[in-house]
Amino acid sequence: MNFREVLAENSIFEKVAQAGKELGVETYVIGGFVRDLILKRPSKDIDFVCVGSGIELAKKVAENFDEDIPVSYFKNFGTAMLNANDWELEFVGARRESYQRDSRKPIVEDGTLEDDQNRRDFTINALAISLNEANYGEVIDPFGGLKHLKSKTIKTPLDPDTTFSDDPLRMMRAIRFATQLSFDIEPDTFDSIARNKDRIGIISKERIIDELNKIILSPKPSYGFNLLFHTGLLKLIFPEMVDLYGVEKRGKKAHKDNFYHTLQVLDNICLKTDDLWLRWSAILHDIAKPATKRFHEKAGWTFHGHEDKGARMVPKIFKRMKLPLNDRMKFVQKLVRLHLRPIALVKDIVTDTAIRRLLFEAGDDIDALMTLCRADITSKNGERVKKYLKNFDLVEEKLKRVESEDQLRNFQPVVTGEMIMETFGISPSKQVGEIKILVREAILEGEIKNVYEEAFPFMVKEGEKLGLTPVK
């Protein structure tokens, strides 16, 4: 297979080839760009390897552009990067690697193209395209990567036990690539992940979560989670999720498998959004069900309070997994806490007060909450799913009606703490907070509208009940 004509469409390859010729070093395109080129997937990153100094090659390439292009290089790693024409180019010298048992950081030596391909994680990432005059554009495929692309197979170039023991992050990458590309993992490679799973312990949480987030952002992340589960990796990196697995039965009463329910909710929400944190809310919405599971002879299995306990678990999970402890965490926490609330609004007798309170608590995240709630409808009974979705249409109509009347998303009462202190001539105190709560509750209950003409007299009246006297 030769890509000479394809390479001719992008002048960057000609410039790199020319730089390699001037330096007298063999030069190749390698790795993910080659894989994606064959799969016809878009890519803006190109990796080049040369039998020589990658840094010197990058500097020479930069000289071949008309404009001044800065080169970032990392001497300790022998790599260099530059950006040109919206392409991110990375250069490295061919090398061979060896590993110590307690580290994924390799001992690196200069090597040949063959050495460099040997160190690659998977056969589909070991493909190279020559930029040398003798065989320009020719694919160099020592491990059958082309065949594995065609058969949609993830396989290591060398013995998988060695590959995964040397760098255990490759186990996560195998599952990530399988999920992103909808590939199978070759049986020996899969079995090796299961055998070497405990090696994941030497990998930093940051690197693990980076791979996990890429799985979550794939078109159908349930596939990746199933692979993580069956290899045993999920138990090591996310035990709370594994705890959802299984069905317990008492007599004729059984609960659903909350692990597979969660995966279905995750896949459902992925059809509607690419938002990573909304997808995390789907993963965590039932995370506290194992901790709240109870059996009652009449009611059967219950999970009372799992939404509140789940919300309390979110910060601990985020902290341990090195996820951000900022507004993104609070967003996920809010949706976990509120995910049962909208369905309760389906009833004909539901009050506007209940709708006001949900709008107030959800604020600008109400649409995200409704997306999660719709995704949470899972059943093998198609008619039941249609019925619940129709019910949510009614809920959204109620939410829109009350919102248009009362404007309650993230509302702030017109009566402020400063206004209360000025009216009664008092300093910051517990009474100020009490009055603010009374005003807010009156607005949410529909007793008064959130306008000065109604809220101010109400505030004065409630202050007087607490023994305060307005300043003349």
Protein backbone atom coordinates (compact mmCIF):
# COMPACT_ATOMS: atom_id res chain seq x y z
CA MET A 1 0.00 0.00 0.00
CA ASN A 2 1.38 3.40 -1.01
CA PHE A 3 0.15 6.86 -0.02
CA ARG A 4 2.37 8.96 -2.28
CA GLU A 5 -0.63 10.72 -3.87
CA VAL A 6 -2.28 11.39 -0.50
CA LEU A 7 0.93 12.84 0.93
CA ALA A 8 1.18 15.15 -2.09
CA GLU A 9 -2.04 16.88 -0.96
CA ASN A 10 -0.26 18.34 2.09
CA SER A 11 2.99 20.28 1.64
CA ILE A 12 4.05 19.49 5.21
CA PHE A 13 5.14 15.97 4.20
CA GLU A 14 7.32 17.32 1.41
CA LYS A 15 8.96 19.76 3.84
CA VAL A 16 9.66 17.00 6.38
CA ALA A 17 11.00 14.71 3.66
CA GLN A 18 13.28 17.47 2.41
CA ALA A 19 14.53 18.19 5.95
CA GLY A 20 15.29 14.49 6.47
CA LYS A 21 17.18 14.36 3.18
CA GLU A 22 19.24 17.46 4.11
CA LEU A 23 20.16 15.90 7.47
CA GLY A 24 20.79 12.48 5.95
CA VAL A 25 18.34 10.67 8.28
CA GLU A 26 15.58 8.18 7.51
CA THR A 27 12.21 9.82 8.22
CA TYR A 28 8.73 8.35 8.63
CA VAL A 29 5.16 9.28 9.54
CA ILE A 30 4.07 6.94 12.32
CA GLY A 31 1.30 6.05 14.72
CA GLY A 32 -2.19 7.51 15.06
CA PHE A 33 -2.12 9.69 11.95
CA VAL A 34 -1.39 6.67 9.75
CA ARG A 35 -4.12 4.67 11.47
CA ASP A 36 -6.68 7.46 11.06
CA LEU A 37 -5.64 8.08 7.45
CA ILE A 38 -6.46 4.47 6.61
CA LEU A 39 -9.70 4.58 8.60
CA LYS A 40 -10.59 7.93 6.97
CA ARG A 41 -10.92 9.58 10.39
CA PRO A 42 -10.09 13.30 10.73
CA SER A 43 -6.83 14.13 12.46
CA LYS A 44 -4.78 17.30 12.91
CA ASP A 45 -1.86 15.70 14.78
CA ILE A 46 1.04 14.10 12.91
CA ASP A 47 3.87 12.15 14.55
CA PHE A 48 7.20 11.81 12.75
CA VAL A 49 10.03 9.48 13.69
CA CYS A 50 13.56 9.61 12.31
CA VAL A 51 16.63 7.43 12.73
CA GLY A 52 18.55 10.27 14.32
CA SER A 53 17.69 13.39 16.32
CA GLY A 54 14.02 14.31 16.36
CA ILE A 55 14.90 17.74 17.74
CA GLU A 56 17.31 18.52 14.90
CA LEU A 57 14.75 17.30 12.37
CA ALA A 58 12.07 19.59 13.86
CA LYS A 59 14.42 22.60 13.70
CA LYS A 60 15.28 21.86 10.08
CA VAL A 61 11.58 21.49 9.17
CA ALA A 62 10.81 24.85 10.78
CA GLU A 63 13.49 26.45 8.59
CA ASN A 64 11.69 25.16 5.48
CA PHE A 65 8.63 27.33 6.14
CA ASP A 66 8.47 30.91 4.88
CA GLU A 67 7.19 32.25 8.19
CA ASP A 68 9.00 32.07 11.52
CA ILE A 69 7.76 28.95 13.34
CA PRO A 70 8.89 28.38 16.94
CA VAL A 71 9.98 24.88 17.97
CA SER A 72 9.27 23.51 21.43
CA TYR A 73 11.62 20.75 22.37
CA PHE A 74 12.19 18.52 25.37
CA LYS A 75 15.82 17.50 25.48
CA ASN A 76 15.37 14.85 28.19
CA PHE A 77 12.83 13.01 26.05
CA GLY A 78 14.39 13.75 22.67
CA THR A 79 11.09 15.12 21.34
CA ALA A 80 10.11 18.37 19.64
CA MET A 81 6.84 19.99 18.59
CA LEU A 82 5.76 22.75 16.26
CA ASN A 83 2.49 24.08 14.88
CA ALA A 84 2.17 24.80 11.18
CA ASN A 85 -0.88 25.52 9.02
CA ASP A 86 -3.24 24.35 11.82
CA TRP A 87 -1.34 21.05 12.12
CA GLU A 88 0.39 19.94 15.30
CA LEU A 89 3.62 18.17 14.40
CA GLU A 90 5.67 16.06 16.81
CA PHE A 91 9.15 14.71 16.12
CA VAL A 92 11.10 12.01 17.90
CA GLY A 93 14.20 9.98 17.21
CA ALA A 94 13.68 6.22 16.80
CA ARG A 95 14.39 4.46 20.06
CA ARG A 96 14.29 1.21 21.92
CA GLU A 97 12.88 1.00 25.44
CA SER A 98 13.26 -1.18 28.51
CA TYR A 99 11.34 -0.99 31.77
CA GLN A 100 11.82 -1.52 35.48
CA ARG A 101 9.13 -3.37 37.39
CA ASP A 102 8.03 -0.48 39.61
CA SER A 103 7.81 2.24 36.96
CA ARG A 104 6.22 2.90 33.56
CA LYS A 105 9.05 5.32 32.71
CA PRO A 106 11.29 3.53 30.21
CA ILE A 107 15.05 3.42 29.93
CA VAL A 108 15.57 4.83 26.44
CA GLU A 109 18.32 4.16 23.89
CA ASP A 110 18.71 5.20 20.26
CA GLY A 111 17.29 2.62 17.93
CA THR A 112 16.07 1.71 14.44
CA LEU A 113 12.61 2.10 12.93
CA GLU A 114 12.01 -1.55 13.80
CA ASP A 115 12.95 -0.87 17.44
CA ASP A 116 10.56 2.07 17.48
CA GLN A 117 7.70 0.05 16.04
CA ASN A 118 8.38 -2.73 18.57
CA ARG A 119 7.80 -0.31 21.46
CA ARG A 120 4.38 0.82 20.18
CA ASP A 121 1.30 -0.19 22.15
CA PHE A 122 -0.84 -1.80 19.42
CA THR A 123 -0.31 -3.06 15.90
CA ILE A 124 -2.68 -0.45 14.48
CA ASN A 125 -0.51 2.27 16.07
CA ALA A 126 2.77 0.77 14.82
CA LEU A 127 2.10 1.52 11.16
CA ALA A 128 4.57 3.85 9.44
CA ILE A 129 4.72 5.63 6.08
CA SER A 130 8.13 6.24 4.53
CA LEU A 131 9.19 9.77 3.59
CA ASN A 132 12.43 8.54 2.05
CA GLU A 133 13.20 8.76 -1.68
CA ALA A 134 13.66 5.02 -2.20
CA ASN A 135 10.13 4.08 -1.05
CA TYR A 136 8.27 7.38 -0.53
CA GLY A 137 4.67 6.84 0.58
CA GLU A 138 5.04 3.11 1.25
CA VAL A 139 3.38 1.66 4.37
CA ILE A 140 5.71 -0.29 6.64
CA ASP A 141 3.67 -2.82 8.60
CA PRO A 142 5.74 -5.42 10.50
CA PHE A 143 2.93 -6.64 12.79
CA GLY A 144 -0.13 -6.95 10.53
CA GLY A 145 -1.65 -3.64 11.55
CA LEU A 146 -3.39 -3.25 8.18
CA LYS A 147 -5.02 -6.66 8.61
CA HIS A 148 -6.11 -5.73 12.14
CA LEU A 149 -7.60 -2.44 10.94
CA LYS A 150 -9.62 -4.40 8.42
CA SER A 151 -10.75 -6.97 11.00
CA LYS A 152 -11.32 -4.23 13.62
CA THR A 153 -8.99 -5.82 16.15
CA ILE A 154 -6.86 -4.38 18.97
CA LYS A 155 -3.69 -6.46 19.42
CA THR A 156 -0.26 -5.77 20.91
CA PRO A 157 2.78 -6.00 18.60
CA LEU A 158 4.75 -8.14 21.05
CA ASP A 159 3.79 -10.45 23.92
CA PRO A 160 0.86 -8.69 25.64
CA ASP A 161 2.05 -9.61 29.14
CA THR A 162 5.29 -7.75 28.46
CA THR A 163 3.49 -4.82 26.80
CA PHE A 164 1.04 -4.32 29.69
CA SER A 165 3.47 -5.05 32.50
CA ASP A 166 5.95 -2.55 31.07
CA ASP A 167 3.35 0.21 30.77
CA PRO A 168 0.04 -0.68 32.47
CA LEU A 169 -1.66 2.46 31.11
CA ARG A 170 -1.76 0.58 27.82
CA MET A 171 -4.52 -1.60 29.30
CA MET A 172 -6.72 1.48 29.62
CA ARG A 173 -5.67 2.59 26.14
CA ALA A 174 -6.61 -0.78 24.66
CA ILE A 175 -10.11 -0.44 26.03
CA ARG A 176 -10.29 3.22 25.05
CA PHE A 177 -9.33 2.50 21.42
CA ALA A 178 -11.72 -0.45 21.27
CA THR A 179 -14.52 1.83 22.49
CA GLN A 180 -13.72 4.80 20.26
CA LEU A 181 -13.24 2.69 17.12
CA SER A 182 -15.84 -0.03 17.89
CA PHE A 183 -13.08 -2.65 17.64
CA ASP A 184 -12.72 -6.00 19.41
CA ILE A 185 -9.77 -6.76 21.66
CA GLU A 186 -7.92 -9.87 20.44
CA PRO A 187 -8.51 -12.76 22.94
CA ASP A 188 -4.89 -13.18 24.11
CA THR A 189 -4.60 -9.40 24.52
CA PHE A 190 -7.86 -9.29 26.47
CA ASP A 191 -6.84 -12.17 28.74
CA SER A 192 -3.52 -10.45 29.40
CA ILE A 193 -5.31 -7.30 30.60
CA ALA A 194 -7.22 -9.44 33.10
CA ARG A 195 -3.97 -11.09 34.24
CA ASN A 196 -2.08 -7.82 34.59
CA LYS A 197 -4.87 -5.62 35.95
CA ASP A 198 -3.19 -5.11 39.35
CA ARG A 199 -0.30 -3.36 37.58
CA ILE A 200 -2.64 -0.39 37.09
CA GLY A 201 -1.70 0.55 40.65
CA ILE A 202 1.56 2.16 39.50
CA ILE A 203 -0.29 4.55 37.17
CA SER A 204 -1.23 8.02 38.42
CA LYS A 205 -4.91 8.81 38.95
CA GLU A 206 -4.57 11.71 36.51
CA ARG A 207 -3.50 9.44 33.64
CA ILE A 208 -6.23 6.90 34.42
CA ILE A 209 -9.01 9.49 34.53
CA ASP A 210 -7.80 10.99 31.26
CA GLU A 211 -8.32 7.63 29.55
CA LEU A 212 -11.61 7.01 31.37
CA ASN A 213 -12.97 10.39 30.26
CA LYS A 214 -12.09 9.54 26.66
CA ILE A 215 -14.10 6.33 27.02
CA ILE A 216 -17.00 8.32 28.48
CA LEU A 217 -16.84 10.76 25.55
CA SER A 218 -17.00 7.96 22.96
CA PRO A 219 -20.21 7.33 20.97
CA LYS A 220 -21.19 4.27 23.06
CA PRO A 221 -19.28 4.28 26.36
CA SER A 222 -21.13 1.25 27.77
CA TYR A 223 -18.91 -0.92 25.56
CA GLY A 224 -15.80 0.41 27.29
CA PHE A 225 -17.29 0.05 30.76
CA ASN A 226 -18.23 -3.56 30.03
CA LEU A 227 -14.63 -4.25 28.98
CA LEU A 228 -13.33 -2.54 32.12
CA PHE A 229 -15.74 -4.60 34.21
CA HIS A 230 -14.94 -7.99 32.68
CA THR A 231 -11.17 -7.45 32.80
CA GLY A 232 -11.39 -6.50 36.49
CA LEU A 233 -9.96 -3.01 35.94
CA LEU A 234 -13.19 -1.26 36.89
CA LYS A 235 -13.14 -2.79 40.37
CA LEU A 236 -9.70 -1.27 40.91
CA ILE A 237 -10.32 2.21 39.53
CA PHE A 238 -14.04 2.74 40.25
CA PRO A 239 -15.27 0.24 42.87
CA GLU A 240 -18.49 2.16 43.60
CA MET A 241 -19.69 1.46 40.08
CA VAL A 242 -18.96 -2.26 40.35
CA ASP A 243 -21.02 -2.31 43.57
CA LEU A 244 -24.07 -1.52 41.40
CA TYR A 245 -23.74 -4.90 39.68
CA GLY A 246 -26.07 -7.80 40.37
CA VAL A 247 -29.67 -8.63 41.18
CA GLU A 248 -30.87 -9.72 44.60
CA LYS A 249 -34.11 -11.68 44.88
CA ARG A 250 -36.39 -12.44 47.82
CA GLY A 251 -39.21 -14.76 46.88
CA LYS A 252 -40.67 -13.35 43.68
CA LYS A 253 -39.40 -9.83 44.31
CA ALA A 254 -36.18 -8.73 42.64
CA HIS A 255 -34.67 -5.36 41.80
CA LYS A 256 -33.11 -4.50 38.46
CA ASP A 257 -29.36 -4.70 37.87
CA ASN A 258 -28.36 -1.12 38.57
CA PHE A 259 -24.97 -1.53 36.85
CA TYR A 260 -26.51 -2.32 33.48
CA HIS A 261 -29.28 0.22 34.07
CA THR A 262 -26.60 2.88 34.60
CA LEU A 263 -24.84 1.88 31.38
CA GLN A 264 -28.13 2.17 29.50
CA VAL A 265 -28.77 5.62 30.97
CA LEU A 266 -25.25 6.63 29.96
CA ASP A 267 -25.76 5.44 26.37
CA ASN A 268 -29.15 7.15 26.26
CA ILE A 269 -27.74 10.49 27.35
CA CYS A 270 -24.89 10.21 24.84
CA LEU A 271 -27.49 10.34 22.05
CA LYS A 272 -28.43 13.82 23.27
CA THR A 273 -25.23 15.47 24.51
CA ASP A 274 -21.45 15.50 24.22
CA ASP A 275 -21.15 17.25 27.60
CA LEU A 276 -18.69 15.22 29.70
CA TRP A 277 -20.20 16.33 33.01
CA LEU A 278 -23.76 15.57 32.00
CA ARG A 279 -22.50 12.12 31.07
CA TRP A 280 -20.85 11.85 34.50
CA SER A 281 -24.20 12.73 36.08
CA ALA A 282 -25.68 9.71 34.27
CA ILE A 283 -22.89 7.49 35.63
CA LEU A 284 -23.39 8.69 39.20
CA HIS A 285 -27.16 9.23 39.39
CA ASP A 286 -27.80 5.88 41.14
CA ILE A 287 -24.36 5.42 42.71
CA ALA A 288 -25.78 5.25 46.26
CA LYS A 289 -28.35 2.54 45.56
CA PRO A 290 -26.19 -0.24 47.06
CA ALA A 291 -25.80 1.76 50.28
CA THR A 292 -29.53 2.52 50.56
CA LYS A 293 -30.95 -0.83 49.45
CA ARG A 294 -33.56 -2.24 51.83
CA PHE A 295 -36.14 -5.05 51.59
CA HIS A 296 -39.67 -4.77 52.90
CA GLU A 297 -42.17 -7.62 52.76
CA LYS A 298 -44.91 -5.43 51.30
CA ALA A 299 -42.99 -2.86 49.30
CA GLY A 300 -40.20 -5.12 48.12
CA TRP A 301 -36.82 -3.54 47.36
CA THR A 302 -36.40 0.17 48.07
CA PHE A 303 -33.58 2.68 47.69
CA HIS A 304 -35.00 5.57 49.71
CA GLY A 305 -32.75 8.59 49.87
CA HIS A 306 -30.25 7.32 47.30
CA GLU A 307 -30.37 10.67 45.50
CA ASP A 308 -29.29 12.61 48.60
CA LYS A 309 -26.66 10.10 49.66
CA GLY A 310 -25.42 9.91 46.09
CA ALA A 311 -25.00 13.69 46.01
CA ARG A 312 -22.90 13.47 49.20
CA MET A 313 -20.74 10.76 47.58
CA VAL A 314 -19.95 12.84 44.49
CA PRO A 315 -17.23 15.07 46.05
CA LYS A 316 -15.45 12.07 47.57
CA ILE A 317 -15.46 10.19 44.26
CA PHE A 318 -14.28 13.25 42.34
CA LYS A 319 -11.49 13.86 44.84
CA ARG A 320 -10.23 10.27 44.79
CA MET A 321 -10.37 10.01 41.00
CA LYS A 322 -8.67 13.40 40.50
CA LEU A 323 -11.68 14.93 38.80
CA PRO A 324 -12.13 18.72 39.19
CA LEU A 325 -13.49 19.90 42.54
CA ASN A 326 -15.10 23.01 41.09
CA ASP A 327 -18.36 24.06 39.44
CA ARG A 328 -18.29 20.92 37.29
CA MET A 329 -18.39 18.74 40.38
CA LYS A 330 -21.19 20.90 41.84
CA PHE A 331 -23.14 20.55 38.58
CA VAL A 332 -22.93 16.74 38.73
CA GLN A 333 -23.78 16.79 42.43
CA LYS A 334 -26.86 18.94 41.80
CA LEU A 335 -28.18 16.66 39.06
CA VAL A 336 -27.64 13.54 41.16
CA ARG A 337 -29.54 15.17 44.04
CA LEU A 338 -32.46 16.34 41.86
CA HIS A 339 -32.78 13.49 39.35
CA LEU A 340 -35.93 12.02 40.95
CA ARG A 341 -37.76 15.32 41.33
CA PRO A 342 -39.20 15.93 37.83
CA ILE A 343 -41.05 12.61 37.62
CA ALA A 344 -43.00 13.56 40.76
CA LEU A 345 -44.37 16.56 38.86
CA VAL A 346 -46.29 14.34 36.42
CA LYS A 347 -49.32 14.09 38.71
CA ASP A 348 -52.36 16.17 37.77
CA ILE A 349 -52.64 17.57 41.29
CA VAL A 350 -49.03 18.77 41.51
CA THR A 351 -48.86 22.32 42.83
CA ASP A 352 -47.20 25.28 41.20
CA THR A 353 -45.23 25.58 44.44
CA ALA A 354 -43.47 22.27 43.73
CA ILE A 355 -42.63 23.43 40.22
CA ARG A 356 -41.34 26.78 41.53
CA ARG A 357 -39.08 25.00 44.00
CA LEU A 358 -37.60 22.75 41.30
CA LEU A 359 -36.98 25.72 39.03
CA PHE A 360 -35.37 27.60 41.90
CA GLU A 361 -33.12 24.68 42.90
CA ALA A 362 -32.16 23.62 39.37
CA GLY A 363 -31.69 27.16 38.06
CA ASP A 364 -29.99 27.28 34.66
CA ASP A 365 -29.36 23.52 34.88
CA ILE A 366 -33.05 22.63 34.54
CA ASP A 367 -32.65 21.64 30.87
CA ALA A 368 -29.66 19.40 31.70
CA LEU A 369 -31.71 17.84 34.51
CA MET A 370 -34.58 17.07 32.16
CA THR A 371 -32.12 15.51 29.68
CA LEU A 372 -30.83 13.24 32.47
CA CYS A 373 -34.35 12.33 33.56
CA ARG A 374 -35.39 11.36 30.06
CA ALA A 375 -32.25 9.22 29.71
CA ASP A 376 -33.13 7.53 33.02
CA ILE A 377 -36.18 5.92 31.44
CA THR A 378 -35.04 2.39 30.66
CA SER A 379 -37.34 -0.56 30.10
CA LYS A 380 -37.63 -3.53 27.76
CA ASN A 381 -41.29 -2.51 27.40
CA GLY A 382 -41.35 0.02 24.57
CA GLU A 383 -44.87 1.20 25.39
CA ARG A 384 -43.85 1.93 28.96
CA VAL A 385 -40.93 4.04 27.75
CA LYS A 386 -43.25 6.00 25.42
CA LYS A 387 -45.66 6.61 28.29
CA TYR A 388 -42.94 7.97 30.57
CA LEU A 389 -41.49 10.18 27.84
CA LYS A 390 -44.98 11.57 27.19
CA ASN A 391 -45.26 12.28 30.92
CA PHE A 392 -42.03 14.25 30.76
CA ASP A 393 -43.50 16.30 27.92
CA LEU A 394 -46.23 17.30 30.36
CA VAL A 395 -43.67 18.15 33.04
CA GLU A 396 -41.77 20.40 30.63
CA GLU A 397 -45.01 22.16 29.68
CA LYS A 398 -45.68 22.86 33.37
CA LEU A 399 -42.13 24.07 33.91
CA LYS A 400 -42.36 26.44 30.92
CA ARG A 401 -45.70 27.84 32.09
CA VAL A 402 -44.56 28.59 35.65
CA GLU A 403 -41.19 29.90 34.44
CA SER A 404 -42.86 32.31 32.03
CA GLU A 405 -45.12 33.59 34.82
CA ASP A 406 -42.63 33.82 37.70
CA GLN A 407 -39.12 33.96 36.13
CA LEU A 408 -37.67 31.68 38.81
CA ARG A 409 -34.43 30.42 37.29
CA ASN A 410 -31.72 31.52 39.74
CA PHE A 411 -34.06 34.18 41.05
CA GLN A 412 -33.02 36.54 43.83
CA PRO A 413 -35.71 38.11 46.03
CA VAL A 414 -36.04 41.86 45.47
CA VAL A 415 -35.67 42.26 49.23
CA THR A 416 -31.97 42.12 50.13
CA GLY A 417 -30.15 41.79 53.43
CA GLU A 418 -29.00 45.41 53.13
CA MET A 419 -32.59 46.54 52.67
CA ILE A 420 -33.69 44.64 55.79
CA MET A 421 -30.88 46.14 57.91
CA GLU A 422 -31.60 49.66 56.65
CA THR A 423 -35.35 49.29 57.20
CA PHE A 424 -35.03 48.16 60.81
CA GLY A 425 -31.76 49.92 61.69
CA ILE A 426 -29.98 46.69 62.65
CA SER A 427 -26.56 45.16 61.98
CA PRO A 428 -25.89 41.76 60.35
CA SER A 429 -27.60 39.18 62.54
CA LYS A 430 -29.55 35.95 62.69
CA GLN A 431 -32.80 37.94 62.35
CA VAL A 432 -31.72 39.29 58.96
CA GLY A 433 -31.23 35.73 57.69
CA GLU A 434 -34.58 34.62 59.10
CA ILE A 435 -36.44 37.43 57.34
CA LYS A 436 -34.69 36.70 54.04
CA ILE A 437 -35.77 33.05 54.26
CA LEU A 438 -39.36 34.03 55.07
CA VAL A 439 -39.50 36.33 52.04
CA ARG A 440 -38.00 33.68 49.77
CA GLU A 441 -40.39 30.99 50.99
CA ALA A 442 -43.39 33.28 50.52
CA ILE A 443 -42.36 33.87 46.91
CA LEU A 444 -41.82 30.15 46.26
CA GLU A 445 -45.15 29.33 47.89
CA GLY A 446 -46.88 31.83 45.64
CA GLU A 447 -48.09 33.96 48.56
CA ILE A 448 -46.46 37.05 47.07
CA LYS A 449 -44.84 37.95 43.77
CA ASN A 450 -41.18 38.80 43.56
CA VAL A 451 -41.85 42.50 43.09
CA TYR A 452 -41.03 45.35 45.48
CA GLU A 453 -44.68 46.37 45.91
CA GLU A 454 -45.53 42.98 47.46
CA ALA A 455 -42.22 41.79 48.92
CA PHE A 456 -41.34 44.95 50.91
CA PRO A 457 -44.60 45.16 52.92
CA PHE A 458 -44.33 41.41 53.60
CA MET A 459 -40.78 41.88 54.86
CA VAL A 460 -41.88 44.72 57.21
CA LYS A 461 -44.72 42.61 58.60
CA GLU A 462 -42.49 39.60 59.27
CA GLY A 463 -39.83 41.81 60.88
CA GLU A 464 -42.41 43.26 63.22
CA LYS A 465 -43.48 39.73 64.21
CA LEU A 466 -39.88 39.18 65.30
CA GLY A 467 -40.06 42.27 67.52
CA LEU A 468 -38.32 44.69 65.14
CA THR A 469 -39.49 48.23 64.51
CA PRO A 470 -39.00 50.02 61.19
CA VAL A 471 -36.85 53.12 61.33
CA LYS A 472 -38.91 56.25 60.59
